[in-house]
Amino acid sequence: MKTFLYVIKYPLDDHYSIKKKVDGQTATAAALGLDVWQTAYDRQQTYLLHQGEKKPVKRIWFGRMPGYIHTKAFLDLFDSVTRTLRSQSFDAVYMRHCPIGMSGVRMMRRIAKAGSQLVVEIPSFPLENEGKKNLLRRLYWAYSQFCWKRAARYVTRFVVIGGPADSYLGRPALNIDNGVDVDAIPLRQHQPAEDGKTHFLALATMARWHGFDRLIQGVAQMPQEARQQVVVDMVGSEGDGSLARWQQLVQDLGMQDFIRFHSYQTGKALDQVFATADVGICSLGLHRHGYQVTSHLKLREYTARGLPFVYAGDDPSLAAGMPFCLKIPADDSPVPMEEAVAFALRMKEKPEIPAEMRRYARDHMSWEAPMKKALNLQ
């Protein structure tokens, strides 16, 4: 059995928006016959996860300091992998692209010397769109890119999600789509809200590229009588300051009766949120980072859950004319809420839609094909 190591900053005791994605990828790798290992940490210790066991690797210092997850966590990750490779080898190493310094370069050099194939996933391509930040972030970005140019020689292939690419930094590249672990996501059992209103769900770690300000503005522009029949539940924690800005925007527009904010939810509480929702809202602001073609995780979760949704941009997993989704322009215009409400009402009249969506997710959005392609498995 071939051994597979997933290198990622994976906090065991903190919320992390892509945990479901990582869990789906590792579960699929195991289903494909690989012996799966994964890096993780809990702010006190780094670990290797393997078949339900946690193998301690390195003691973490200053794990509770503010900003640890965005700074020193990367250094501890790279050092942990380097230490592991002194006594253990892997046939394949799969790494999610992240900021690196010279410690990251040294880690990748050791991976290559151990004879492992190194596959690096770029989850939003082209990467340059991610670098348009403040001065400090731009400097950090520039240093990381300098290091990546030195590290690229050790990469077997890049796999990119987003725009097309056949090479990156002089190394082979290929495109894959995001997937979803359908079996890990419960099918939504629709329980229409007792108030008889149309309920929209905007679920995310709130960041500018989700574009939920478009949703708020759309509700504000509705005729008053129509607005009385709409509820928007915005569920999730703060990401980049957008949550606070959107809360203020709702107050400034006097929309508190129609747009409700909820904290991060999991488990049965999240299942109940999905049960009462009529339509989900996908990210509506990816164009703000220069992306028109996307492979968004939330869209796949909504499909697996059986929740019809509104989205913007182009997604390669969606065939033209799919009845369970409503596409709106990928720009900053307000969401056309009257059209969205009409769509929601149509979906309410089709109780077969959730099961159809789940079948579609299983047939067209699973992780099996992307992971086979990424790892060059036949």
Foldseek 3Di string as FASTA:
>chain_A
DFEEEEQDEAEPPDDDFCPQLVVQLQVLCVVVPYQYWYWYDHLQFIFIDGPNDTHTQDGHDPSVPPPCSVPVSVVVSLVSLQSVLVPDAGQEYEYEDDQDAVSNLVSLVSNLVSVHAYEYEDQEPPPVLVQPDDPVSVVSVVRSVVSCLSNVVSHQEYEYFADADQDDSRHGYGYDFRFGDLVVAAAAAADADPVQAAEEEEEDQDDVQLLCVLALVQLLPDDPVNSVRAAYEYEEHHDPCVVVVVVVVCVVSVPPVRYHYYYHDDDPVVSVVRRHHLEYEGRQRNCSSPGQEGRDPVVLSCLSRLHQYEYEHHYPLDDPPDLRYHYDYNDNHHDNVVVVVVSSVVSVVPPCRSVVSNVSSVVRRRCNVVSCVSVVND
